[in-house]
Amino acid sequence: MILYFYRTAFLIVFYSIFFINSSNAQYAFEKYSAPSYKTYNTWKEYDKIATKGTYDCTLSIDQFFDNKDSITIQLTWFAAQIDFGMIRIFRNKRQIQKMKQPGSFSPLTMKGGLVLVSDINGDGYKDVKLIQQGTGNGVMGMLVKVLYLFQKNDALFQKISFDDMVFEGHRAERDVDDDGNHEIITMNLEHANGHSYWAYNVFEYSNESLRNVNFKVDYPVLIQYTYKRNYEITQHMSMLQMKKYEREFPSEYDVK
């Protein structure tokens, strides 16, 4: 009975420590502040594949602009042109922009795509971030298309998109130097010395494009891919060796 008591007490303490440590675990960049988002996913679908060969999804946000005008984002997939899609932006139902999106969209992934709104780059204007889930299996099921619409001072938008890998719905931007412009953290799967690693790079939106700013926090860093979530920067490589995995731009980077 005494042995059972001590064994039970030990297990309670062990699991308490384990779960407390797990719940408090975080990536190094998560100590920096993130934007405050409003989240939307009320997409309306217009399936005209049979009649016009198109599939549209639209999402409207009331009182988006400074003067309380609404914004509507429309994504269009073309059955005959699957190598690109179309993004249309409307202000109070009047189209103000149209741009091609390489890689297209898909009826399987368009509806329900996560839309987040915040002033990401700290210029006083609301920006839009859209996450389109991929259709891969296994690890590739983590692949998403990230699309930003950065609002400019003329109320038009700069579109930036790229491929990324995420554990959850999206990865929050982080203000690593406390200047109000939240940096974008990307994650890619890399292979080195017989192991797989998550490689993290840091980018900043500046002059209507992204630029790598790893120097601000001594990135990139690599975290070994394991059977459970791992938060520790690998000790198998020096910072100089990890520099090999610095990227000028994210994967499938596109600017419009």
Protein backbone atom coordinates (compact mmCIF):
# COMPACT_ATOMS: atom_id res chain seq x y z
CA MET A 1 0.00 0.00 0.00
CA ILE A 2 2.81 2.39 0.92
CA LEU A 3 4.67 1.49 -2.28
CA TYR A 4 1.48 2.08 -4.28
CA PHE A 5 1.02 5.48 -2.60
CA TYR A 6 4.56 6.65 -3.41
CA ARG A 7 4.34 5.33 -6.97
CA THR A 8 1.03 7.16 -7.51
CA ALA A 9 2.42 10.34 -5.99
CA PHE A 10 5.48 10.13 -8.24
CA LEU A 11 3.34 9.71 -11.37
CA ILE A 12 1.12 12.65 -10.41
CA VAL A 13 4.17 14.88 -9.91
CA PHE A 14 5.80 13.62 -13.13
CA TYR A 15 2.75 14.21 -15.32
CA SER A 16 2.06 17.56 -13.66
CA ILE A 17 5.58 18.74 -14.49
CA PHE A 18 5.34 17.29 -18.01
CA PHE A 19 2.05 18.94 -18.86
CA ILE A 20 2.96 22.25 -17.24
CA ASN A 21 6.20 22.35 -19.21
CA SER A 22 4.38 21.33 -22.40
CA SER A 23 1.69 23.96 -22.01
CA ASN A 24 4.31 26.65 -21.40
CA ALA A 25 6.55 25.56 -24.26
CA GLN A 26 6.90 28.02 -27.09
CA TYR A 27 9.08 28.93 -30.02
CA ALA A 28 11.69 31.62 -29.44
CA PHE A 29 9.91 34.15 -31.68
CA GLU A 30 6.67 33.83 -29.70
CA LYS A 31 8.02 36.10 -26.97
CA TYR A 32 7.54 39.08 -29.31
CA SER A 33 4.20 40.88 -29.62
CA ALA A 34 1.69 39.81 -32.29
CA PRO A 35 -1.00 41.83 -34.10
CA SER A 36 -4.53 41.94 -32.76
CA TYR A 37 -6.67 40.20 -35.40
CA LYS A 38 -10.32 40.10 -36.32
CA THR A 39 -11.11 36.77 -37.95
CA TYR A 40 -13.65 36.06 -40.70
CA ASN A 41 -14.66 32.92 -42.62
CA THR A 42 -18.21 33.61 -43.83
CA TRP A 43 -17.58 32.85 -47.48
CA LYS A 44 -20.40 32.69 -50.03
CA GLU A 45 -19.94 30.24 -52.92
CA TYR A 46 -21.10 30.58 -56.48
CA ASP A 47 -20.60 27.28 -58.29
CA LYS A 48 -20.96 27.91 -62.04
CA ILE A 49 -18.57 25.22 -63.20
CA ALA A 50 -21.27 23.43 -65.20
CA THR A 51 -22.50 26.57 -67.00
CA LYS A 52 -19.60 29.03 -67.15
CA GLY A 53 -16.60 26.98 -66.04
CA THR A 54 -16.02 29.17 -62.96
CA TYR A 55 -16.21 28.81 -59.22
CA ASP A 56 -16.32 31.94 -57.04
CA CYS A 57 -16.11 32.59 -53.33
CA THR A 58 -16.77 36.02 -51.85
CA LEU A 59 -16.36 37.43 -48.37
CA SER A 60 -17.49 40.91 -47.27
CA ILE A 61 -16.36 42.93 -44.26
CA ASP A 62 -18.41 45.92 -43.17
CA GLN A 63 -16.77 49.20 -42.11
CA PHE A 64 -13.35 48.09 -43.28
CA PHE A 65 -12.00 51.39 -44.62
CA ASP A 66 -11.41 54.52 -42.55
CA ASN A 67 -14.62 56.11 -43.85
CA LYS A 68 -16.57 52.95 -42.91
CA ASP A 69 -16.83 51.66 -46.50
CA SER A 70 -17.08 47.88 -46.83
CA ILE A 71 -14.66 45.59 -48.61
CA THR A 72 -15.51 42.44 -50.56
CA ILE A 73 -12.87 39.91 -51.62
CA GLN A 74 -13.75 37.58 -54.48
CA LEU A 75 -11.67 34.54 -55.43
CA THR A 76 -12.30 32.92 -58.82
CA TRP A 77 -11.20 29.50 -60.08
CA PHE A 78 -11.33 28.74 -63.81
CA ALA A 79 -11.93 25.17 -64.97
CA ALA A 80 -10.07 25.90 -68.23
CA GLN A 81 -7.14 27.79 -66.63
CA ILE A 82 -6.12 25.92 -63.52
CA ASP A 83 -2.58 27.40 -63.43
CA PHE A 84 -3.87 30.70 -62.07
CA GLY A 85 -6.88 32.18 -60.30
CA MET A 86 -8.25 35.70 -59.97
CA ILE A 87 -8.59 38.01 -56.99
CA ARG A 88 -11.04 40.89 -57.20
CA ILE A 89 -11.45 43.55 -54.54
CA PHE A 90 -14.61 45.63 -54.23
CA ARG A 91 -15.24 48.77 -52.19
CA ASN A 92 -18.94 49.21 -51.47
CA LYS A 93 -19.64 46.76 -54.33
CA ARG A 94 -17.50 48.74 -56.81
CA GLN A 95 -14.49 46.84 -58.13
CA ILE A 96 -11.26 48.69 -57.36
CA GLN A 97 -8.65 46.00 -58.13
CA LYS A 98 -8.17 42.77 -60.05
CA MET A 99 -5.05 40.60 -59.96
CA LYS A 100 -3.97 37.13 -61.04
CA GLN A 101 -2.87 34.63 -58.44
CA PRO A 102 -0.42 31.95 -59.66
CA GLY A 103 -1.11 28.42 -58.60
CA SER A 104 -4.82 29.10 -58.81
CA PHE A 105 -7.38 28.35 -56.16
CA SER A 106 -9.42 25.20 -55.84
CA PRO A 107 -13.07 24.49 -55.08
CA LEU A 108 -11.72 22.04 -52.47
CA THR A 109 -9.81 24.72 -50.56
CA MET A 110 -11.42 28.09 -51.29
CA LYS A 111 -14.53 27.89 -49.13
CA GLY A 112 -13.76 28.36 -45.45
CA GLY A 113 -10.31 29.86 -45.95
CA LEU A 114 -9.28 31.82 -42.89
CA VAL A 115 -9.28 35.63 -43.27
CA LEU A 116 -7.58 37.81 -40.66
CA VAL A 117 -7.66 41.61 -40.49
CA SER A 118 -5.17 43.79 -38.66
CA ASP A 119 -2.73 46.65 -39.23
CA ILE A 120 0.15 44.25 -39.70
CA ASN A 121 2.85 46.70 -40.82
CA GLY A 122 1.88 49.52 -38.45
CA ASP A 123 1.08 52.23 -41.01
CA GLY A 124 -2.41 52.95 -39.70
CA TYR A 125 -4.31 51.04 -42.42
CA LYS A 126 -6.05 47.68 -42.08
CA ASP A 127 -4.43 44.79 -43.92
CA VAL A 128 -5.86 41.41 -44.90
CA LYS A 129 -4.25 38.00 -44.44
CA LEU A 130 -5.80 34.99 -46.13
CA ILE A 131 -4.82 31.36 -45.48
CA GLN A 132 -5.71 28.77 -48.11
CA GLN A 133 -5.30 25.19 -46.90
CA GLY A 134 -3.59 22.73 -49.23
CA THR A 135 -4.71 19.21 -50.08
CA GLY A 136 -1.53 17.24 -49.36
CA ASN A 137 -1.20 14.16 -47.17
CA GLY A 138 1.05 13.50 -44.20
CA VAL A 139 3.56 16.24 -43.55
CA MET A 140 2.55 17.93 -46.81
CA GLY A 141 -0.91 18.37 -45.33
CA MET A 142 0.67 21.25 -43.39
CA LEU A 143 1.36 23.18 -46.60
CA VAL A 144 -0.73 26.34 -47.02
CA LYS A 145 -0.87 29.33 -49.32
CA VAL A 146 -0.48 32.59 -47.39
CA LEU A 147 -1.80 35.69 -49.11
CA TYR A 148 -1.45 39.25 -47.81
CA LEU A 149 -3.30 42.33 -49.04
CA PHE A 150 -1.38 45.28 -47.61
CA GLN A 151 -3.49 48.43 -47.79
CA LYS A 152 -1.67 51.47 -49.20
CA ASN A 153 -2.37 55.16 -48.58
CA ASP A 154 -4.43 55.33 -51.80
CA ALA A 155 -6.79 52.66 -50.38
CA LEU A 156 -5.54 50.13 -52.95
CA PHE A 157 -3.68 46.98 -52.00
CA GLN A 158 -0.29 45.35 -52.54
CA LYS A 159 -0.74 41.59 -52.90
CA ILE A 160 2.00 39.29 -51.61
CA SER A 161 1.66 35.52 -51.51
CA PHE A 162 3.85 32.49 -50.83
CA ASP A 163 3.80 28.87 -49.68
CA ASP A 164 4.35 28.08 -46.03
CA MET A 165 3.97 25.20 -43.60
CA VAL A 166 2.01 25.57 -40.37
CA PHE A 167 1.04 23.45 -37.39
CA GLU A 168 -2.19 25.36 -36.76
CA GLY A 169 -4.45 27.59 -38.84
CA HIS A 170 -1.79 30.27 -39.23
CA ARG A 171 1.40 31.63 -37.66
CA ALA A 172 1.13 35.09 -36.14
CA GLU A 173 3.50 37.84 -37.26
CA ARG A 174 5.84 39.15 -34.55
CA ASP A 175 7.30 42.59 -33.90
CA VAL A 176 10.88 41.50 -33.22
CA ASP A 177 12.34 45.02 -32.97
CA ASP A 178 9.36 46.88 -31.46
CA ASP A 179 8.99 49.31 -34.37
CA GLY A 180 5.27 48.63 -35.00
CA ASN A 181 5.89 46.67 -38.22
CA HIS A 182 5.26 43.01 -37.43
CA GLU A 183 7.73 40.69 -39.12
CA ILE A 184 6.57 37.55 -40.96
CA ILE A 185 8.01 34.22 -39.78
CA THR A 186 8.11 31.44 -42.39
CA MET A 187 8.67 27.71 -41.90
CA ASN A 188 10.11 25.23 -44.40
CA LEU A 189 11.07 21.57 -44.13
CA GLU A 190 14.79 21.04 -44.80
CA HIS A 191 16.96 17.92 -44.83
CA ALA A 192 20.55 17.79 -43.55
CA ASN A 193 22.89 15.07 -42.26
CA GLY A 194 20.23 12.39 -42.40
CA HIS A 195 17.70 14.43 -40.40
CA SER A 196 14.71 16.64 -41.17
CA TYR A 197 14.44 20.15 -39.74
CA TRP A 198 11.97 23.01 -39.61
CA ALA A 199 13.81 26.10 -40.85
CA TYR A 200 12.49 29.51 -39.77
CA ASN A 201 13.23 32.75 -41.65
CA VAL A 202 12.13 36.30 -40.84
CA PHE A 203 10.77 38.78 -43.41
CA GLU A 204 9.59 42.38 -43.22
CA TYR A 205 7.08 44.12 -45.48
CA SER A 206 8.81 47.26 -46.77
CA ASN A 207 8.53 49.29 -50.00
CA GLU A 208 5.70 47.07 -51.29
CA SER A 209 7.74 43.88 -51.07
CA LEU A 210 9.23 41.47 -48.56
CA ARG A 211 12.86 41.57 -47.53
CA ASN A 212 14.73 39.09 -45.41
CA VAL A 213 15.59 40.56 -41.98
CA ASN A 214 17.10 37.51 -40.28
CA PHE A 215 19.86 39.79 -39.00
CA LYS A 216 17.42 41.38 -36.53
CA VAL A 217 17.18 38.20 -34.43
CA ASP A 218 20.12 36.11 -35.68
CA TYR A 219 18.00 33.78 -37.81
CA PRO A 220 17.49 31.44 -39.63
CA VAL A 221 17.19 28.76 -36.98
CA LEU A 222 16.52 25.06 -37.43
CA ILE A 223 14.45 22.83 -35.15
CA GLN A 224 14.68 19.09 -35.62
CA TYR A 225 11.55 17.34 -36.88
CA THR A 226 10.53 14.72 -34.28
CA TYR A 227 7.53 12.51 -33.53
CA LYS A 228 6.22 15.17 -31.13
CA ARG A 229 6.25 18.97 -31.11
CA ASN A 230 9.78 20.24 -30.62
CA TYR A 231 10.63 23.83 -29.70
CA GLU A 232 14.40 23.63 -29.22
CA ILE A 233 16.86 25.07 -31.73
CA THR A 234 19.08 22.21 -32.87
CA GLN A 235 22.50 21.74 -31.30
CA HIS A 236 23.62 19.65 -34.30
CA MET A 237 24.56 22.75 -36.29
CA SER A 238 26.27 26.01 -35.53
CA MET A 239 24.62 29.35 -36.31
CA LEU A 240 27.03 29.66 -39.23
CA GLN A 241 25.91 26.27 -40.61
CA MET A 242 22.25 27.25 -40.23
CA LYS A 243 22.93 30.34 -42.35
CA LYS A 244 22.93 27.99 -45.36
CA TYR A 245 19.14 27.85 -45.01
CA GLU A 246 18.55 31.59 -45.27
CA ARG A 247 16.12 32.45 -48.07
CA GLU A 248 15.97 35.71 -49.99
CA PHE A 249 12.20 35.23 -50.38
CA PRO A 250 9.65 32.66 -49.17
CA SER A 251 8.72 29.67 -51.35
CA GLU A 252 6.62 30.45 -54.46
CA TYR A 253 6.87 34.16 -53.66
CA ASP A 254 4.65 36.41 -55.79
CA VAL A 255 3.96 40.16 -55.74
CA LYS A 256 1.19 42.01 -57.58
